[in-house]
N, C-alpha and C. Protein backbone atom coordinates (compact mmCIF):
# COMPACT_ATOMS: atom_id res chain seq x y z
N UNK A 1 50.71 106.99 139.77
CA UNK A 1 51.75 106.30 139.03
C UNK A 1 52.51 106.93 138.22
N UNK A 2 52.25 108.20 137.49
CA UNK A 2 53.13 108.69 136.87
C UNK A 2 54.16 109.32 137.43
N UNK A 3 53.95 109.83 138.86
CA UNK A 3 54.99 110.26 139.50
C UNK A 3 56.01 109.44 139.95
N UNK A 4 55.76 108.25 140.08
CA UNK A 4 56.96 107.11 140.54
C UNK A 4 57.74 106.99 138.96
N UNK A 5 57.08 107.12 138.08
CA UNK A 5 57.98 106.81 136.48
C UNK A 5 58.61 108.20 136.50
N UNK A 6 58.40 109.28 136.83
CA UNK A 6 59.06 110.56 136.87
C UNK A 6 60.23 110.55 137.80
N UNK A 7 60.06 110.12 138.82
CA UNK A 7 60.97 110.03 139.85
C UNK A 7 62.03 109.07 139.70
N UNK A 8 61.62 107.82 139.05
CA UNK A 8 62.57 106.92 138.74
C UNK A 8 63.39 107.48 137.37
N UNK A 9 62.95 107.76 136.46
CA UNK A 9 63.75 108.62 135.40
C UNK A 9 64.79 109.67 136.14
N UNK A 10 64.14 110.49 136.83
CA UNK A 10 65.21 111.65 137.44
C UNK A 10 66.41 110.74 137.99
N UNK A 11 65.82 109.73 138.72
CA UNK A 11 67.15 109.26 139.52
C UNK A 11 67.90 108.31 138.84
N UNK A 12 67.54 107.86 137.56
CA UNK A 12 68.48 107.13 136.95
C UNK A 12 69.23 108.10 135.96
N UNK A 13 68.77 109.25 135.57
CA UNK A 13 69.61 110.42 134.99
C UNK A 13 70.73 110.75 135.89
N UNK A 14 70.31 110.92 137.34
CA UNK A 14 71.23 111.55 138.17
C UNK A 14 72.14 110.79 138.34
N UNK A 15 72.08 109.19 138.59
CA UNK A 15 73.13 108.33 138.70
C UNK A 15 73.79 108.48 137.44
N UNK A 16 73.52 108.36 136.23
CA UNK A 16 74.13 108.27 135.13
C UNK A 16 75.41 109.50 134.93
N UNK A 17 74.53 110.80 135.18
CA UNK A 17 75.29 111.95 135.30
C UNK A 17 76.42 111.91 136.25
N UNK A 18 76.03 111.22 137.48
CA UNK A 18 77.12 111.35 138.52
C UNK A 18 78.31 110.25 138.10
N UNK A 19 77.97 109.30 137.57
CA UNK A 19 78.74 108.14 137.02
C UNK A 19 79.73 108.69 135.68
N UNK A 20 79.18 109.39 135.10
CA UNK A 20 79.83 109.77 133.83
C UNK A 20 80.94 110.97 134.39
N UNK A 21 80.36 112.11 135.30
CA UNK A 21 81.42 112.73 135.80
C UNK A 21 82.44 112.26 136.43
N UNK A 22 82.26 111.14 137.39
CA UNK A 22 83.23 110.41 138.18
C UNK A 22 84.11 109.92 137.22
N UNK A 23 83.73 109.15 136.11
CA UNK A 23 84.60 108.56 135.04
C UNK A 23 85.36 109.47 134.53
N UNK A 24 84.96 110.86 133.94
CA UNK A 24 85.75 111.85 133.29
C UNK A 24 86.88 112.11 134.17
N UNK A 25 86.63 112.39 135.39
CA UNK A 25 88.00 112.67 136.44
C UNK A 25 88.85 111.86 136.70
N UNK A 26 88.28 110.52 136.90
CA UNK A 26 89.21 109.38 136.96
C UNK A 26 90.18 109.19 135.62
N UNK A 27 89.24 109.26 134.73
CA UNK A 27 90.16 109.10 132.94
C UNK A 27 91.05 110.14 133.07
N UNK A 28 90.98 111.29 133.47
CA UNK A 28 91.86 112.69 133.52
C UNK A 28 92.92 112.40 134.53
N UNK A 29 92.60 111.80 135.54
CA UNK A 29 93.72 111.64 136.49
C UNK A 29 94.58 110.68 136.24
N UNK A 30 94.30 109.32 135.56
CA UNK A 30 95.18 108.41 135.03
C UNK A 30 95.55 108.26 133.60
N UNK A 31 95.63 109.37 133.11
CA UNK A 31 95.65 109.38 131.58
C UNK A 31 97.20 109.12 131.38
N UNK A 32 97.45 108.51 130.40
CA UNK A 32 98.78 107.91 130.03
C UNK A 32 99.28 108.86 128.94
N UNK A 33 100.22 109.58 129.32
CA UNK A 33 100.81 110.39 128.15
C UNK A 33 101.90 109.79 127.20
N UNK A 34 101.80 109.85 126.11
CA UNK A 34 102.66 108.88 125.12
C UNK A 34 103.02 110.07 124.13
N UNK A 35 104.37 109.60 123.76
CA UNK A 35 105.04 110.79 122.83
C UNK A 35 104.38 110.70 121.57
N UNK A 36 104.13 111.59 120.96
CA UNK A 36 103.26 111.95 119.74
C UNK A 36 104.13 111.39 118.51
N UNK A 37 105.37 111.35 118.46
CA UNK A 37 106.18 110.55 117.90
C UNK A 37 105.95 109.26 117.13
N UNK A 38 105.84 108.50 118.19
CA UNK A 38 105.49 107.15 117.97
C UNK A 38 104.58 106.76 117.12
N UNK A 39 103.25 107.78 117.09
CA UNK A 39 102.25 107.44 116.15
C UNK A 39 102.65 107.89 114.77
N UNK A 40 103.49 108.76 114.70
CA UNK A 40 104.16 109.31 113.38
C UNK A 40 104.91 108.50 112.59
N UNK A 41 105.81 107.65 113.49
CA UNK A 41 106.90 106.61 113.06
C UNK A 41 105.79 105.43 112.77
N UNK A 42 104.81 105.22 113.29
CA UNK A 42 104.10 104.00 113.12
C UNK A 42 103.38 103.92 111.84
N UNK A 43 102.95 105.26 111.38
CA UNK A 43 102.21 105.54 109.99
C UNK A 43 103.14 105.04 108.97
N UNK A 44 104.64 105.42 109.04
CA UNK A 44 105.69 105.21 108.07
C UNK A 44 105.95 103.87 107.85
N UNK A 45 105.69 102.97 109.00
CA UNK A 45 106.05 101.60 108.80
C UNK A 45 105.00 100.83 108.11
N UNK A 46 105.39 99.63 107.45
CA UNK A 46 104.59 98.98 106.68
C UNK A 46 103.40 98.49 107.27
N UNK A 47 103.08 98.32 108.46
CA UNK A 47 102.16 97.83 109.52
C UNK A 47 101.65 96.42 108.87
N UNK A 48 102.82 95.57 108.73
CA UNK A 48 102.55 94.16 108.60
C UNK A 48 102.55 93.14 109.68
N UNK A 49 102.85 93.83 110.94
CA UNK A 49 102.81 93.18 112.08
C UNK A 49 103.27 91.70 111.94
N UNK A 50 104.48 91.62 111.19
CA UNK A 50 105.16 90.32 110.78
C UNK A 50 106.02 89.83 111.89
N UNK A 51 106.33 90.75 112.71
CA UNK A 51 107.55 90.19 113.70
C UNK A 51 109.05 90.10 113.15
N UNK A 52 109.43 90.42 111.80
CA UNK A 52 110.56 90.25 111.30
C UNK A 52 111.63 91.19 111.70
N UNK A 53 111.38 92.07 112.55
CA UNK A 53 112.11 93.12 113.19
C UNK A 53 112.54 92.44 114.51
N UNK A 54 112.02 91.30 114.93
CA UNK A 54 111.93 91.05 116.30
C UNK A 54 111.19 91.48 117.31
N UNK A 55 110.36 92.38 116.86
CA UNK A 55 109.34 92.80 117.97
C UNK A 55 107.98 92.23 117.73
N UNK A 56 106.96 92.21 118.56
CA UNK A 56 105.57 91.71 118.13
C UNK A 56 104.79 92.26 117.01
N UNK A 57 105.06 93.45 117.07
CA UNK A 57 104.37 94.23 115.89
C UNK A 57 104.94 95.68 115.67
N UNK A 58 104.41 96.34 114.70
CA UNK A 58 104.97 97.56 114.51
C UNK A 58 104.82 98.49 115.31
N UNK A 59 103.96 98.53 116.23
CA UNK A 59 103.88 99.56 117.06
C UNK A 59 104.71 99.36 118.37
N UNK A 60 105.21 98.28 118.50
CA UNK A 60 106.22 98.02 119.70
C UNK A 60 107.83 98.55 118.96
N UNK A 61 107.67 98.13 117.72
CA UNK A 61 109.03 98.55 116.99
C UNK A 61 109.06 100.14 116.88
N UNK A 62 107.85 100.71 116.58
CA UNK A 62 108.04 102.27 116.61
C UNK A 62 108.42 102.71 117.79
N UNK A 63 107.88 102.24 119.07
CA UNK A 63 108.18 102.55 120.46
C UNK A 63 109.79 102.59 120.58
N UNK A 64 110.28 101.39 120.01
CA UNK A 64 111.71 101.35 120.49
C UNK A 64 112.75 102.23 119.78
N UNK A 65 112.04 102.65 118.32
CA UNK A 65 112.91 103.31 117.32
C UNK A 65 112.90 104.93 118.16
N UNK A 66 111.63 105.13 118.73
CA UNK A 66 111.93 106.59 119.42
C UNK A 66 112.37 106.61 120.63
N UNK A 67 112.27 105.49 121.55
CA UNK A 67 112.95 105.47 122.71
C UNK A 67 114.48 105.04 122.81
N UNK A 68 115.12 104.50 121.79
CA UNK A 68 116.61 104.18 121.96
C UNK A 68 117.62 105.00 120.91
N UNK A 69 118.70 105.18 121.46
CA UNK A 69 119.64 106.12 120.70
C UNK A 69 120.31 105.44 119.47
N UNK A 70 120.66 104.33 119.69
CA UNK A 70 121.32 103.51 118.89
C UNK A 70 120.38 102.52 117.83
N UNK A 71 120.43 102.64 116.76
CA UNK A 71 119.60 101.68 115.89
C UNK A 71 120.39 100.64 114.83
N UNK A 72 121.59 100.24 115.63
CA UNK A 72 122.40 99.29 114.95
C UNK A 72 121.96 98.05 114.75
N UNK A 73 121.02 97.61 115.68
CA UNK A 73 120.33 96.21 115.73
C UNK A 73 118.75 96.33 115.16
N UNK A 74 118.37 97.49 114.98
CA UNK A 74 117.11 97.61 114.56
C UNK A 74 116.74 97.90 112.93
N UNK A 75 116.19 97.18 112.32
CA UNK A 75 115.80 97.15 110.85
C UNK A 75 114.40 96.46 110.52
N UNK A 76 113.68 97.18 109.75
CA UNK A 76 112.49 96.58 109.37
C UNK A 76 112.70 95.92 107.95
N UNK A 77 112.55 94.69 107.93
CA UNK A 77 112.81 93.95 106.73
C UNK A 77 112.05 94.06 105.76
N UNK A 78 110.53 94.51 106.10
CA UNK A 78 109.34 94.45 105.28
C UNK A 78 109.69 95.86 104.21
N UNK A 79 109.73 96.82 105.08
CA UNK A 79 109.74 98.16 104.72
C UNK A 79 111.09 98.54 103.94
N UNK A 80 112.17 97.95 104.49
CA UNK A 80 113.48 98.27 103.85
C UNK A 80 114.30 99.66 104.31
N UNK A 81 115.18 99.65 103.43
CA UNK A 81 115.94 101.16 103.85
C UNK A 81 115.04 102.46 103.63
N UNK A 82 114.06 102.32 102.63
CA UNK A 82 113.30 103.40 102.64
C UNK A 82 112.62 103.85 103.89
N UNK A 83 111.78 102.63 104.20
CA UNK A 83 110.79 102.76 105.82
C UNK A 83 112.08 103.44 106.85
N UNK A 84 112.93 102.76 106.76
CA UNK A 84 114.13 103.19 107.92
C UNK A 84 114.59 104.64 107.81
N UNK A 85 114.72 105.19 106.41
CA UNK A 85 114.92 106.41 106.34
C UNK A 85 113.93 107.66 106.39
N UNK A 86 112.68 107.04 106.17
CA UNK A 86 111.55 107.88 106.64
C UNK A 86 111.27 108.19 108.20
N UNK A 87 111.59 106.78 108.71
CA UNK A 87 111.61 106.88 110.28
C UNK A 87 112.56 107.82 111.00
N UNK A 88 113.76 107.81 110.19
CA UNK A 88 114.96 108.59 110.82
C UNK A 88 114.54 110.07 110.48
N UNK A 89 114.14 110.56 109.30
CA UNK A 89 113.44 111.78 109.04
C UNK A 89 112.45 112.53 109.98
N UNK A 90 111.80 111.37 110.42
CA UNK A 90 110.53 111.99 111.55
C UNK A 90 111.43 112.47 112.68
N UNK A 91 112.43 111.43 113.03
CA UNK A 91 112.86 111.46 114.59
C UNK A 91 114.29 112.53 114.35
N UNK A 92 114.69 112.78 113.27
CA UNK A 92 115.97 113.65 113.01
C UNK A 92 117.06 112.93 113.23
N UNK A 93 117.11 111.69 112.80
CA UNK A 93 118.32 110.83 112.84
C UNK A 93 119.03 110.48 111.45
N UNK A 94 119.78 109.78 111.61
CA UNK A 94 120.58 109.08 110.55
C UNK A 94 120.14 107.79 110.27
N UNK A 95 119.55 107.21 109.25
CA UNK A 95 119.21 105.72 109.04
C UNK A 95 120.60 105.18 108.51
N UNK A 96 121.06 103.87 109.16
CA UNK A 96 122.07 103.00 108.79
C UNK A 96 121.30 101.99 107.45
N UNK A 97 122.23 102.29 106.27
CA UNK A 97 121.67 101.53 105.23
C UNK A 97 122.19 99.87 105.35
N UNK A 98 121.27 98.80 105.07
CA UNK A 98 121.68 97.60 105.23
C UNK A 98 121.20 96.80 104.13
N UNK A 99 122.06 95.89 103.62
CA UNK A 99 121.74 95.16 102.54
C UNK A 99 120.52 94.21 102.79
N UNK A 100 119.57 94.16 101.76
CA UNK A 100 118.27 93.01 102.08
C UNK A 100 118.97 91.92 102.40
N UNK A 101 118.15 91.07 103.20
CA UNK A 101 118.10 89.82 103.77
C UNK A 101 117.45 88.80 102.74
N UNK A 102 118.03 87.57 102.34
CA UNK A 102 117.39 86.73 101.44
C UNK A 102 117.62 85.59 102.05
N UNK A 103 116.37 84.76 102.16
CA UNK A 103 116.44 83.43 102.48
C UNK A 103 116.90 82.51 101.45
N UNK A 104 118.06 81.69 101.98
CA UNK A 104 118.85 80.80 100.93
C UNK A 104 118.72 79.42 101.48
N UNK A 105 118.38 78.41 100.79
CA UNK A 105 117.90 76.90 101.16
C UNK A 105 119.26 76.28 100.93
N UNK A 106 120.18 76.00 101.76
CA UNK A 106 121.53 75.30 101.89
C UNK A 106 121.71 73.98 101.87
N UNK A 107 120.47 73.12 101.73
CA UNK A 107 120.94 71.68 101.75
C UNK A 107 120.59 71.26 100.29
N UNK A 108 120.53 71.71 99.44
CA UNK A 108 119.92 71.42 97.89
C UNK A 108 118.70 70.77 97.91
N UNK A 109 117.94 70.45 98.95
CA UNK A 109 116.61 69.87 99.00
C UNK A 109 116.53 68.28 98.76
N UNK A 110 117.80 67.55 98.82
CA UNK A 110 117.41 66.26 98.71
C UNK A 110 118.33 65.31 99.70
N UNK A 111 118.09 63.98 100.27
CA UNK A 111 118.83 63.45 101.25
C UNK A 111 119.96 63.24 100.97
N UNK A 112 120.46 63.51 99.69
CA UNK A 112 121.94 62.83 99.29
C UNK A 112 122.91 64.04 99.97
N UNK A 113 122.51 65.19 100.06
CA UNK A 113 123.53 66.19 100.53
C UNK A 113 122.93 66.21 102.18
N UNK A 114 122.09 65.86 102.47
CA UNK A 114 121.85 66.18 104.11
C UNK A 114 121.41 64.66 104.70
N UNK A 115 122.09 63.99 105.27
CA UNK A 115 121.68 62.81 106.03
C UNK A 115 120.46 62.84 107.13
N UNK A 116 119.69 61.87 107.13
CA UNK A 116 118.71 61.96 107.91
C UNK A 116 118.96 61.96 109.27
N UNK A 117 118.65 62.49 110.34
CA UNK A 117 118.83 62.50 111.75
C UNK A 117 118.07 61.98 112.53
N UNK A 118 116.67 62.13 112.12
CA UNK A 118 115.52 61.69 113.06
C UNK A 118 114.52 61.05 111.97
N UNK A 119 113.63 60.36 112.36
CA UNK A 119 112.40 59.58 111.73
C UNK A 119 111.21 60.50 112.04
N UNK A 120 110.67 61.05 110.72
CA UNK A 120 109.40 61.71 110.64
C UNK A 120 108.21 60.90 110.95
N UNK A 121 107.22 61.43 111.63
CA UNK A 121 106.21 60.62 111.93
C UNK A 121 104.94 61.44 111.89
N UNK A 122 104.60 61.77 110.84
CA UNK A 122 103.51 62.87 110.46
C UNK A 122 102.89 62.67 109.05
N UNK A 123 102.20 63.64 108.53
CA UNK A 123 101.34 63.49 107.37
C UNK A 123 102.42 63.36 106.19
N UNK A 124 102.32 62.41 105.35
CA UNK A 124 103.28 62.00 104.22
C UNK A 124 103.31 63.06 103.19
N UNK A 125 102.26 64.02 102.86
CA UNK A 125 102.34 64.99 101.64
C UNK A 125 101.69 66.20 102.54
N UNK A 126 101.76 67.16 101.94
CA UNK A 126 101.38 68.55 102.25
C UNK A 126 99.77 68.51 101.96
N UNK A 127 99.49 68.00 100.93
CA UNK A 127 97.86 68.05 100.76
C UNK A 127 96.95 67.16 101.68
N UNK A 128 97.67 66.23 102.48
CA UNK A 128 96.94 65.63 103.67
C UNK A 128 96.93 66.84 104.89
N UNK A 129 97.85 67.40 104.95
CA UNK A 129 98.05 68.12 106.18
C UNK A 129 97.00 69.26 105.92
């Protein structure tokens, strides 16, 4: 009975070792090489993943900063000019200074200044929602 257990253990160890070796070589074969500057730029970004820059998250924004030449349309509204200057310093580029964007309510908040266009059919107050 003990011989069967020993053979079973040896077989399982051999299968596990073979699988580990195969997985190691497959991982080396299909390794994805990535620019290390992307990680450096991502560390400088605020990591808010807010999408204010137009990208789904800070990682995608960092990849775009590293891969594109022109930064005219790229700006991190959360980090501001300081964050963009730090990212430019890592990549050896010049950052373009931009004025901060501020949300402005232009309707004055009452129906007198903005006529109704549709009929609202929802919760009457925010506390109910």
